[in-house]
Amino acid sequence: MQRLYDFLRRHPTGVDTFWAVVLFGMSALWVDTSAPRIGQPLVYGVVAALFSLVVALRRRMPEKMLLLAVVLGLVQLALGIVPFMPDFAMLVIIYTVAAHDGPRWASRLALAGGLSAALLSQLRWPVEASHTSAGTVFFVVIMTVPFALAWVLGDSVRTRRAYFAQLEERASRLEKEREAQAKVAVAAERARIARELHDVVAHNVSVMVVQADGAAYVMDSSPETAKQALETISSTGRQALAEMRRLLGILRTGEHQEAGEYVPQPDVKQIEDLVEQVRGTGLAIDFKIEGNPRPLPSGVELTAYRIVQEALTNTRKHGGPDAGASVRLVYFDDGLGLLVEDDGRGAPQEMYEDGGADGRGHGLIGMRERVGMVGGTLDAGPRPGGGFRISALLPLKTAH
């Protein structure tokens, strides 16, 4: 049964043609039996055939078939062809035009024609039972009702179709928006994880390389110092692995794991531990905190830690063997200020301007992205007296 229904929906003109043939056959039978009374059977047959054509092509050419039906109605009035069975096609075409999502003039013409058809018919062929004015009005109203109902039903169908089409279009638009938002969220998460990986790998591996070089240098002359360097390498490696596990956990589950399984995200309190760790590599660092420390949003905590971490990593990479650094954390009323300076050689200019044509400078790019995400500002560049300076201002809001 469903297959038959689907077939009929795919071939609407074929269905209309079938009913047009049925209408023409019944009309021809009526003309044949009524020929002695009505006369002009050929004219009636032609009108019946054209009305049947209106039914057959009503959905393919609704406006043209409406105009054809209007012309046939006027021909009936002019030639005195009394209303007969094919006039049922007028109801059909009025419904079709009202239901069709076409020009509004066609729907208005169909309504006007339907409302005037009964009146014109009564004026042309008065019914004997309605010889009084009240009877005439009553007859006209009764005969107008089917035409009005056909138009109202068609217009309701058109409105319902438009409503469902609007719902489908809105659902499709919302689905596309959700897909776009999901892609943006995935891209942002990938960028965030990439920054985290860069910070973890660049910092910890840099510490391990410096300690390994120092251990190799003093292995024979100072075994105890070499042992301490190897212990630092071991602890740094474990810390790097813990951070890597945390990031991999985020990739697997999309959520932060319990603190018992993965280490928590670094915060401002751990900057002092970070400074001590870097001092252990031989880099002299002057660390100070100014203002009144207060709770910070987690995003600002992580951003501050990563900026200091990346800045000290860059000092070890580009500052030279005798470089020294200073780290300042300043709590303002409305923000947290970070200032990291060194007196080394400094990084090449192309690395802090555009990230470098060779793909270097990702640390500074990551800094700018992190600061931008929390609504702060970052300034990075060479110091007037030599060395390199990184300053940032992060908006401060009391954490609840």
Protein backbone atom coordinates (compact mmCIF):
# COMPACT_ATOMS: atom_id res chain seq x y z
CA MET A 1 0.00 0.00 0.00
CA GLN A 2 2.85 2.36 0.80
CA ARG A 3 4.43 1.68 -2.59
CA LEU A 4 1.19 2.60 -4.33
CA TYR A 5 0.95 5.79 -2.30
CA ASP A 6 4.54 6.74 -3.13
CA PHE A 7 3.92 6.01 -6.82
CA LEU A 8 0.86 8.28 -6.86
CA ARG A 9 2.81 11.07 -5.16
CA ARG A 10 5.57 10.82 -7.77
CA HIS A 11 3.06 11.00 -10.67
CA PRO A 12 0.48 13.68 -9.76
CA THR A 13 -0.32 14.52 -13.39
CA GLY A 14 -1.12 10.89 -14.11
CA VAL A 15 -3.56 10.81 -11.17
CA ASP A 16 -5.22 14.04 -12.34
CA THR A 17 -5.49 12.69 -15.88
CA PHE A 18 -7.26 9.59 -14.60
CA TRP A 19 -9.89 11.69 -12.82
CA ALA A 20 -10.18 13.95 -15.87
CA VAL A 21 -11.01 10.91 -18.01
CA VAL A 22 -13.59 9.81 -15.46
CA LEU A 23 -15.14 13.30 -15.44
CA PHE A 24 -15.24 13.46 -19.24
CA GLY A 25 -16.80 10.01 -19.50
CA MET A 26 -19.56 10.85 -17.02
CA SER A 27 -20.12 14.20 -18.73
CA ALA A 28 -20.37 12.58 -22.16
CA LEU A 29 -22.91 10.11 -20.78
CA TRP A 30 -24.94 13.00 -19.32
CA VAL A 31 -24.82 14.95 -22.60
CA ASP A 32 -25.90 11.88 -24.56
CA THR A 33 -28.93 11.23 -22.33
CA SER A 34 -29.86 14.93 -22.11
CA ALA A 35 -29.31 15.83 -25.77
CA PRO A 36 -33.01 16.01 -26.72
CA ARG A 37 -33.62 18.47 -23.88
CA ILE A 38 -30.55 20.72 -23.95
CA GLY A 39 -29.63 20.68 -27.62
CA GLN A 40 -26.14 21.60 -28.98
CA PRO A 41 -24.50 18.30 -27.83
CA LEU A 42 -21.30 19.12 -29.72
CA VAL A 43 -20.83 22.41 -27.88
CA TYR A 44 -21.49 20.70 -24.53
CA GLY A 45 -18.97 18.00 -25.46
CA VAL A 46 -16.26 20.55 -26.29
CA VAL A 47 -16.86 22.43 -23.02
CA ALA A 48 -16.77 19.12 -21.09
CA ALA A 49 -13.48 18.17 -22.78
CA LEU A 50 -11.88 21.51 -21.93
CA PHE A 51 -13.05 21.32 -18.31
CA SER A 52 -11.56 17.82 -18.17
CA LEU A 53 -8.29 19.30 -19.47
CA VAL A 54 -8.38 21.80 -16.59
CA VAL A 55 -8.53 18.88 -14.14
CA ALA A 56 -5.76 16.96 -15.93
CA LEU A 57 -3.26 19.85 -15.95
CA ARG A 58 -4.31 21.64 -12.76
CA ARG A 59 -1.06 20.93 -10.88
CA ARG A 60 1.27 21.31 -13.82
CA MET A 61 -0.09 24.69 -15.02
CA PRO A 62 -2.42 25.99 -12.29
CA GLU A 63 -2.54 29.65 -13.37
CA LYS A 64 -3.18 28.83 -17.03
CA MET A 65 -5.86 26.30 -16.16
CA LEU A 66 -7.53 28.89 -13.91
CA LEU A 67 -7.70 31.36 -16.79
CA LEU A 68 -9.08 28.59 -19.02
CA ALA A 69 -11.78 27.82 -16.45
CA VAL A 70 -12.72 31.52 -16.28
CA VAL A 71 -12.99 31.69 -20.07
CA LEU A 72 -15.15 28.53 -20.14
CA GLY A 73 -17.43 30.02 -17.47
CA LEU A 74 -17.90 33.19 -19.56
CA VAL A 75 -18.55 31.06 -22.65
CA GLN A 76 -21.24 29.20 -20.74
CA LEU A 77 -22.89 32.49 -19.81
CA ALA A 78 -22.63 33.85 -23.35
CA LEU A 79 -23.91 30.72 -25.14
CA GLY A 80 -26.48 29.80 -22.55
CA ILE A 81 -24.91 26.46 -21.70
CA VAL A 82 -26.65 25.46 -18.50
CA PRO A 83 -24.46 24.35 -15.59
CA PHE A 84 -23.68 20.65 -15.84
CA MET A 85 -21.32 18.03 -14.43
CA PRO A 86 -17.95 19.37 -15.82
CA ASP A 87 -18.50 22.60 -13.87
CA PHE A 88 -17.20 20.62 -10.91
CA ALA A 89 -13.76 21.38 -12.38
CA MET A 90 -14.22 24.98 -11.16
CA LEU A 91 -14.16 23.80 -7.55
CA VAL A 92 -11.08 21.71 -8.27
CA ILE A 93 -9.10 24.52 -9.90
CA ILE A 94 -10.08 27.03 -7.18
CA TYR A 95 -8.72 24.65 -4.52
CA THR A 96 -5.57 23.96 -6.55
CA VAL A 97 -4.71 27.62 -7.14
CA ALA A 98 -5.35 28.51 -3.48
CA ALA A 99 -3.12 25.63 -2.34
CA HIS A 100 -0.38 26.35 -4.90
CA ASP A 101 2.55 28.50 -3.80
CA GLY A 102 2.23 30.74 -6.83
CA PRO A 103 1.42 34.39 -7.58
CA ARG A 104 -1.17 35.87 -5.26
CA TRP A 105 -3.19 37.35 -8.11
CA ALA A 106 -4.19 33.84 -9.16
CA SER A 107 -5.46 33.00 -5.68
CA ARG A 108 -7.42 36.28 -5.51
CA LEU A 109 -8.89 35.69 -8.97
CA ALA A 110 -9.95 32.19 -7.96
CA LEU A 111 -11.66 33.53 -4.81
CA ALA A 112 -13.43 36.31 -6.72
CA GLY A 113 -14.57 33.92 -9.44
CA GLY A 114 -15.84 31.38 -6.93
CA LEU A 115 -17.81 33.97 -4.95
CA SER A 116 -19.41 35.41 -8.08
CA ALA A 117 -20.11 32.14 -9.92
CA ALA A 118 -23.35 31.31 -8.07
CA LEU A 119 -24.66 34.89 -8.40
CA LEU A 120 -23.98 35.02 -12.16
CA SER A 121 -25.51 31.60 -12.61
CA GLN A 122 -28.68 32.68 -10.76
CA LEU A 123 -28.94 35.83 -12.82
CA ARG A 124 -28.52 33.89 -16.08
CA TRP A 125 -30.67 30.89 -15.15
CA PRO A 126 -33.07 31.83 -12.36
CA VAL A 127 -34.33 28.92 -10.31
CA GLU A 128 -38.10 28.79 -10.23
CA ALA A 129 -38.16 27.81 -6.53
CA SER A 130 -36.40 31.04 -5.63
CA HIS A 131 -38.85 33.50 -7.24
CA THR A 132 -38.73 35.74 -4.15
CA SER A 133 -35.81 37.97 -3.27
CA ALA A 134 -35.19 36.12 -0.02
CA GLY A 135 -35.25 32.82 -1.82
CA THR A 136 -32.82 34.09 -4.44
CA VAL A 137 -30.39 35.34 -1.79
CA PHE A 138 -30.65 32.09 0.13
CA PHE A 139 -30.01 30.02 -3.01
CA VAL A 140 -27.01 32.15 -3.99
CA VAL A 141 -25.50 31.86 -0.51
CA ILE A 142 -25.98 28.08 -0.44
CA MET A 143 -24.40 27.68 -3.89
CA THR A 144 -21.50 30.00 -2.96
CA VAL A 145 -20.52 27.96 0.10
CA PRO A 146 -18.80 25.10 -1.83
CA PHE A 147 -16.65 27.58 -3.78
CA ALA A 148 -15.68 29.45 -0.60
CA LEU A 149 -14.87 26.21 1.20
CA ALA A 150 -12.72 25.03 -1.72
CA TRP A 151 -10.68 28.24 -1.59
CA VAL A 152 -10.37 28.23 2.23
CA LEU A 153 -9.27 24.60 2.25
CA GLY A 154 -6.67 25.24 -0.44
CA ASP A 155 -5.33 28.35 1.28
CA SER A 156 -5.07 26.43 4.56
CA VAL A 157 -3.08 23.71 2.83
CA ARG A 158 -0.76 26.30 1.30
CA THR A 159 -0.22 27.98 4.69
CA ARG A 160 0.48 24.63 6.32
CA ARG A 161 2.99 23.68 3.65
CA ALA A 162 4.74 27.05 3.99
CA TYR A 163 4.86 26.60 7.77
CA PHE A 164 6.42 23.14 7.53
CA ALA A 165 8.84 24.35 4.87
CA GLN A 166 9.88 27.16 7.20
CA LEU A 167 10.36 24.68 10.04
CA GLU A 168 12.48 22.42 7.84
CA GLU A 169 14.56 25.37 6.63
CA ARG A 170 15.05 26.56 10.20
CA ALA A 171 15.99 23.06 11.38
CA SER A 172 18.46 22.75 8.51
CA ARG A 173 19.95 26.17 9.31
CA LEU A 174 20.26 25.30 12.99
CA GLU A 175 21.91 22.00 12.11
CA LYS A 176 24.43 23.77 9.90
CA GLU A 177 25.07 26.32 12.66
CA ARG A 178 25.60 23.52 15.19
CA GLU A 179 28.03 21.81 12.82
CA ALA A 180 29.90 25.08 12.29
CA GLN A 181 30.03 25.73 16.05
CA ALA A 182 31.24 22.19 16.64
CA LYS A 183 34.02 22.66 14.07
CA VAL A 184 35.03 25.96 15.68
CA ALA A 185 35.03 24.34 19.11
CA VAL A 186 37.14 21.44 17.84
CA ALA A 187 39.59 23.82 16.19
CA ALA A 188 39.84 25.91 19.37
CA GLU A 189 40.40 22.81 21.48
CA ARG A 190 43.06 21.55 19.08
CA ALA A 191 44.81 24.93 19.23
CA ARG A 192 44.64 24.96 23.02
CA ILE A 193 46.06 21.45 23.28
CA ALA A 194 48.76 22.35 20.75
CA ARG A 195 49.78 25.29 22.93
CA GLU A 196 49.80 23.07 26.00
CA LEU A 197 51.95 20.46 24.26
CA HIS A 198 54.35 23.11 23.03
CA ASP A 199 54.71 24.61 26.50
CA VAL A 200 55.20 21.24 28.18
CA VAL A 201 57.65 19.86 25.64
CA ALA A 202 59.63 23.07 25.06
CA HIS A 203 60.11 23.87 28.72
CA ASN A 204 60.77 20.43 30.19
CA VAL A 205 62.90 19.16 27.35
CA SER A 206 64.92 22.39 27.47
CA VAL A 207 65.56 21.84 31.17
CA MET A 208 66.54 18.22 30.55
CA VAL A 209 68.94 19.17 27.74
CA VAL A 210 70.64 21.84 29.87
CA GLN A 211 70.98 19.44 32.80
CA ALA A 212 72.24 16.64 30.56
CA ASP A 213 74.91 18.93 29.05
CA GLY A 214 75.96 20.06 32.51
CA ALA A 215 76.11 16.50 33.80
CA ALA A 216 78.28 15.41 30.87
CA TYR A 217 80.58 18.35 31.45
CA VAL A 218 81.18 17.67 35.17
CA MET A 219 80.84 13.88 35.13
CA ASP A 220 84.54 13.26 35.82
CA SER A 221 85.42 16.34 37.87
CA SER A 222 82.30 16.52 40.09
CA PRO A 223 80.29 13.29 40.21
CA GLU A 224 78.02 14.68 42.95
CA THR A 225 76.99 17.63 40.76
CA ALA A 226 76.41 15.27 37.83
CA LYS A 227 74.23 13.12 40.09
CA GLN A 228 72.11 16.14 41.07
CA ALA A 229 71.73 17.05 37.40
CA LEU A 230 70.56 13.53 36.58
CA GLU A 231 68.05 13.69 39.43
CA THR A 232 66.74 16.97 38.01
CA ILE A 233 66.43 15.34 34.60
CA SER A 234 64.51 12.47 36.17
CA SER A 235 62.06 14.70 38.07
CA THR A 236 61.58 16.97 35.06
CA GLY A 237 60.88 13.98 32.87
CA ARG A 238 58.28 12.68 35.31
CA GLN A 239 56.63 16.09 35.41
CA ALA A 240 56.54 16.20 31.62
CA LEU A 241 55.01 12.72 31.51
CA ALA A 242 52.36 13.73 34.05
CA GLU A 243 51.42 16.77 31.95
CA MET A 244 51.34 14.63 28.82
CA ARG A 245 49.02 12.15 30.53
CA ARG A 246 46.70 14.99 31.50
CA LEU A 247 46.54 16.26 27.92
CA LEU A 248 46.02 12.76 26.54
CA GLY A 249 43.23 12.28 29.06
CA ILE A 250 41.55 15.43 27.73
CA LEU A 251 41.89 14.11 24.19
CA ARG A 252 40.34 10.78 25.15
CA THR A 253 37.44 11.99 27.26
CA GLY A 254 37.03 15.68 26.44
CA GLU A 255 36.95 16.45 30.15
CA HIS A 256 39.50 17.07 32.88
CA GLN A 257 40.17 13.95 34.91
CA GLU A 258 40.12 13.68 38.66
CA ALA A 259 43.16 15.11 40.36
CA GLY A 260 44.10 11.66 41.63
CA GLU A 261 44.70 10.39 38.09
CA TYR A 262 46.14 13.43 36.29
CA VAL A 263 47.92 16.43 37.67
CA PRO A 264 45.92 19.68 37.89
CA GLN A 265 46.60 22.60 35.60
CA PRO A 266 49.46 24.86 36.68
CA ASP A 267 48.54 28.10 38.45
CA VAL A 268 50.19 31.27 39.71
CA LYS A 269 51.28 29.62 42.98
CA GLN A 270 53.42 27.17 41.02
CA ILE A 271 55.35 29.95 39.29
CA GLU A 272 57.72 30.09 42.26
CA ASP A 273 58.37 26.34 41.90
CA LEU A 274 58.93 26.90 38.17
CA VAL A 275 61.48 29.61 38.92
CA GLU A 276 63.30 27.34 41.37
CA GLN A 277 63.36 24.58 38.78
CA VAL A 278 64.89 26.87 36.16
CA ARG A 279 67.40 28.20 38.68
CA GLY A 280 68.52 24.63 39.09
CA THR A 281 69.65 24.66 35.47
CA GLY A 282 72.10 27.46 36.20
CA LEU A 283 70.01 30.47 35.12
CA ALA A 284 70.08 33.31 37.67
CA ILE A 285 66.55 34.61 38.23
CA ASP A 286 65.32 37.48 40.38
CA PHE A 287 61.69 36.73 41.32
CA LYS A 288 59.34 39.19 43.08
CA ILE A 289 55.62 39.48 43.75
CA GLU A 290 54.14 42.93 44.29
CA GLY A 291 50.66 43.84 45.46
CA ASN A 292 48.16 41.69 47.31
CA PRO A 293 47.84 38.17 45.87
CA ARG A 294 44.23 37.08 45.35
CA PRO A 295 42.33 34.24 43.69
CA LEU A 296 42.25 34.33 39.89
CA PRO A 297 40.09 32.63 37.26
CA SER A 298 41.59 29.31 36.22
CA GLY A 299 42.19 30.54 32.66
CA VAL A 300 44.17 33.52 33.91
CA GLU A 301 46.14 31.30 36.33
CA LEU A 302 47.18 28.95 33.51
CA THR A 303 47.94 31.84 31.14
CA ALA A 304 50.22 33.55 33.67
CA TYR A 305 52.10 30.33 34.38
CA ARG A 306 52.58 29.51 30.69
CA ILE A 307 53.82 33.01 29.86
CA VAL A 308 56.50 32.86 32.54
CA GLN A 309 57.39 29.32 31.52
CA GLU A 310 57.74 30.22 27.84
CA ALA A 311 59.66 33.40 28.60
CA LEU A 312 62.23 31.57 30.75
CA THR A 313 62.49 28.82 28.12
CA ASN A 314 63.27 31.46 25.48
CA THR A 315 65.89 33.00 27.78
CA ARG A 316 67.67 29.67 28.07
CA LYS A 317 67.46 29.12 24.31
CA HIS A 318 68.49 32.55 23.07
CA GLY A 319 69.97 34.45 26.01
CA GLY A 320 73.42 32.90 25.96
CA PRO A 321 75.44 31.15 28.70
CA ASP A 322 75.84 34.20 31.00
CA ALA A 323 72.27 35.53 30.77
CA GLY A 324 70.26 36.44 33.84
CA ALA A 325 66.52 36.98 34.14
CA SER A 326 63.97 38.70 36.35
CA VAL A 327 60.31 37.80 36.88
CA ARG A 328 57.80 40.26 38.31
CA LEU A 329 54.19 39.52 39.23
CA VAL A 330 52.22 42.68 40.07
CA TYR A 331 48.67 42.52 41.42
CA PHE A 332 46.79 45.66 40.42
CA ASP A 333 43.23 46.51 41.43
CA ASP A 334 41.89 45.44 38.05
CA GLY A 335 44.58 43.20 36.63
CA LEU A 336 47.64 41.04 36.98
CA GLY A 337 50.85 42.34 35.46
CA LEU A 338 53.66 40.06 34.30
CA LEU A 339 57.14 41.24 33.42
CA VAL A 340 59.90 38.84 32.40
CA GLU A 341 63.22 40.32 31.29
CA ASP A 342 66.68 38.99 30.59
CA ASP A 343 70.03 40.57 29.78
CA GLY A 344 71.11 38.04 27.18
CA ARG A 345 71.46 38.26 23.45
CA GLY A 346 67.68 38.17 22.79
CA ALA A 347 65.74 36.36 20.11
CA PRO A 348 65.99 37.25 16.41
CA GLN A 349 63.50 39.94 15.40
CA GLU A 350 61.57 37.76 12.95
CA MET A 351 60.72 35.32 15.75
CA TYR A 352 58.73 37.81 17.82
CA GLU A 353 57.17 39.72 14.91
CA ASP A 354 55.57 37.11 12.62
CA GLY A 355 56.68 33.80 14.05
CA GLY A 356 59.36 33.38 11.38
CA ALA A 357 59.08 32.16 7.81
CA ASP A 358 60.65 28.86 8.84
CA GLY A 359 57.89 28.10 11.33
CA ARG A 360 59.78 29.15 14.46
CA GLY A 361 58.44 31.47 17.12
CA HIS A 362 55.40 29.34 18.02
CA GLY A 363 55.93 30.08 21.71
CA LEU A 364 55.35 33.80 21.30
CA ILE A 365 52.40 33.13 18.98
CA GLY A 366 50.94 30.86 21.66
CA MET A 367 51.47 33.58 24.27
CA ARG A 368 49.53 36.10 22.21
CA GLU A 369 46.71 33.62 21.68
CA ARG A 370 46.51 32.80 25.39
CA VAL A 371 46.52 36.46 26.41
CA GLY A 372 43.90 37.25 23.78
CA MET A 373 41.63 34.49 25.06
CA VAL A 374 41.47 36.08 28.53
CA GLY A 375 41.12 39.61 27.15
CA GLY A 376 44.61 40.80 28.08
CA THR A 377 47.47 42.52 26.28
CA LEU A 378 51.00 41.33 25.52
CA ASP A 379 54.13 43.17 24.49
CA ALA A 380 57.28 41.28 23.48
CA GLY A 381 60.51 42.60 22.06
CA PRO A 382 64.15 43.50 22.69
CA ARG A 383 65.12 45.71 25.60
CA PRO A 384 66.82 49.06 24.87
CA GLY A 385 69.89 48.03 26.86
CA GLY A 386 70.10 44.53 25.42
CA GLY A 387 68.27 41.35 26.15
CA PHE A 388 64.59 40.60 25.77
CA ARG A 389 61.41 41.70 27.56
CA ILE A 390 57.95 40.17 27.74
CA SER A 391 55.21 42.10 29.53
CA ALA A 392 51.55 41.15 29.84
CA LEU A 393 48.48 42.55 31.54
CA LEU A 394 45.74 40.08 32.35
CA PRO A 395 42.29 41.21 33.52
CA LEU A 396 41.70 40.30 37.13
CA LYS A 397 38.36 39.15 38.48
CA THR A 398 37.90 37.64 41.90
CA ALA A 399 37.19 33.93 41.60
CA HIS A 400 34.01 32.78 43.35
